[in-house]
Amino acid sequence: MIPKKNRLTRREIVEVREKGKIKGGKRVSILYIHTGGEVPRFGMIVSSRVAKLAVERNRIKRVLREAFKEILGKISSGYSIVVLARKSMMGAGVREVAEELEEIMRLNGMICAGK
């Protein structure tokens, strides 16, 4: 489970969706804003367009949470990040998703090269 201090509330997710920048990858897209907070914060959106069945959406959410936990220590402080799952996320493993998230974040300056 992601620590509470690293989770976004629904209101914060809406704020990131309205004000944030979007960057995409093959399996996921991320919306982000730099809020200047003490820790990086995370939220996710898995639409019924991505997976019709709730069990499939829940599996995708589990994979996203685990992937985020893997890279949590590498993300610079102060970012609010919302991950949007894509259809190609179906069947993807934690490692693949974590690598993709890390690459997107590194390209956009959210992860320092040394971490």
Protein backbone atom coordinates (compact mmCIF):
# COMPACT_ATOMS: atom_id res chain seq x y z
CA MET A 1 0.00 0.00 0.00
CA ILE A 2 1.15 3.52 -0.79
CA PRO A 3 1.70 5.61 2.37
CA LYS A 4 -1.09 8.10 3.00
CA LYS A 5 1.29 11.06 2.72
CA ASN A 6 2.03 9.97 -0.88
CA ARG A 7 -1.61 9.67 -2.04
CA LEU A 8 -3.68 12.31 -3.80
CA THR A 9 -7.28 13.00 -2.77
CA ARG A 10 -10.05 13.17 -5.37
CA ARG A 11 -10.02 16.96 -5.20
CA GLU A 12 -6.27 17.02 -5.83
CA ILE A 13 -6.65 14.63 -8.76
CA VAL A 14 -9.20 17.00 -10.31
CA GLU A 15 -6.78 19.90 -9.79
CA VAL A 16 -3.94 18.01 -11.50
CA ARG A 17 -6.26 17.12 -14.40
CA GLU A 18 -7.23 20.77 -14.84
CA LYS A 19 -3.82 22.42 -14.39
CA GLY A 20 -1.30 19.69 -15.13
CA LYS A 21 0.94 18.87 -18.05
CA ILE A 22 0.44 15.53 -19.79
CA LYS A 23 3.14 13.20 -21.08
CA GLY A 24 2.46 9.82 -22.60
CA GLY A 25 4.02 6.45 -23.05
CA LYS A 26 2.95 3.14 -24.55
CA ARG A 27 1.04 1.79 -21.53
CA VAL A 28 0.44 4.88 -19.40
CA SER A 29 0.19 8.64 -19.60
CA ILE A 30 0.96 10.92 -16.69
CA LEU A 31 -0.46 14.26 -15.70
CA TYR A 32 1.69 16.22 -13.30
CA ILE A 33 2.17 19.55 -11.59
CA HIS A 34 4.93 20.76 -9.33
CA THR A 35 3.28 21.81 -6.08
CA GLY A 36 6.38 22.35 -4.00
CA GLY A 37 5.29 19.89 -1.31
CA GLU A 38 7.60 17.79 0.82
CA VAL A 39 6.93 14.44 -0.87
CA PRO A 40 5.81 13.24 -4.30
CA ARG A 41 2.08 12.42 -4.37
CA PHE A 42 0.34 9.87 -6.58
CA GLY A 43 -3.12 9.14 -7.92
CA MET A 44 -4.44 7.01 -10.76
CA ILE A 45 -7.33 6.83 -13.17
CA VAL A 46 -8.36 3.56 -14.80
CA SER A 47 -11.38 4.16 -17.01
CA SER A 48 -13.97 1.59 -17.97
CA ARG A 49 -12.80 2.24 -21.55
CA VAL A 50 -9.51 0.61 -20.62
CA ALA A 51 -11.11 -2.49 -19.09
CA LYS A 52 -14.81 -3.24 -18.98
CA LEU A 53 -14.65 -5.64 -16.04
CA ALA A 54 -13.98 -4.33 -12.54
CA VAL A 55 -11.60 -7.20 -11.79
CA GLU A 56 -9.43 -6.15 -14.74
CA ARG A 57 -9.45 -2.49 -13.67
CA ASN A 58 -8.54 -3.52 -10.12
CA ARG A 59 -5.63 -5.62 -11.38
CA ILE A 60 -4.34 -2.63 -13.36
CA LYS A 61 -4.60 -0.48 -10.23
CA ARG A 62 -2.63 -3.06 -8.22
CA VAL A 63 0.09 -3.10 -10.88
CA LEU A 64 0.22 0.72 -10.94
CA ARG A 65 0.50 0.93 -7.14
CA GLU A 66 3.34 -1.60 -7.07
CA ALA A 67 5.14 0.14 -9.94
CA PHE A 68 4.85 3.48 -8.16
CA LYS A 69 6.20 1.97 -4.93
CA GLU A 70 9.25 0.72 -6.84
CA ILE A 71 10.17 4.20 -8.09
CA LEU A 72 8.87 6.30 -5.18
CA GLY A 73 12.33 6.91 -3.70
CA LYS A 74 13.68 8.20 -7.02
CA ILE A 75 11.03 10.89 -7.65
CA SER A 76 11.89 14.47 -6.75
CA SER A 77 9.87 16.07 -3.96
CA GLY A 78 6.91 18.31 -4.67
CA TYR A 79 5.29 16.62 -7.64
CA SER A 80 1.63 15.61 -7.80
CA ILE A 81 1.30 12.85 -10.37
CA VAL A 82 -1.83 11.25 -11.83
CA VAL A 83 -1.29 8.12 -13.91
CA LEU A 84 -3.79 7.39 -16.68
CA ALA A 85 -3.89 3.76 -17.79
CA ARG A 86 -4.21 2.88 -21.47
CA LYS A 87 -5.69 -0.23 -23.08
CA SER A 88 -2.20 -1.60 -23.74
CA MET A 89 -1.79 -1.81 -19.95
CA MET A 90 -3.80 -5.05 -19.96
CA GLY A 91 -1.49 -7.94 -19.12
CA ALA A 92 1.52 -5.73 -18.39
CA GLY A 93 3.77 -6.61 -15.47
CA VAL A 94 4.91 -4.41 -12.61
CA ARG A 95 8.50 -4.22 -13.84
CA GLU A 96 7.48 -3.11 -17.36
CA VAL A 97 5.18 -0.41 -16.02
CA ALA A 98 7.73 0.80 -13.46
CA GLU A 99 10.38 1.13 -16.17
CA GLU A 100 8.00 3.07 -18.40
CA LEU A 101 6.92 5.41 -15.58
CA GLU A 102 10.54 5.97 -14.61
CA GLU A 103 11.51 6.76 -18.22
CA ILE A 104 8.65 9.26 -18.68
CA MET A 105 9.50 10.95 -15.38
CA ARG A 106 13.22 11.05 -16.12
CA LEU A 107 12.60 12.67 -19.53
CA ASN A 108 10.49 15.35 -17.85
CA GLY A 109 12.87 16.15 -15.00
CA MET A 110 10.94 14.47 -12.18
CA ILE A 111 13.73 11.97 -11.50
CA CYS A 112 17.32 13.04 -11.05
CA ALA A 113 19.85 11.09 -13.13
CA GLY A 114 21.80 10.04 -10.02
CA LYS A 115 18.89 8.37 -8.24
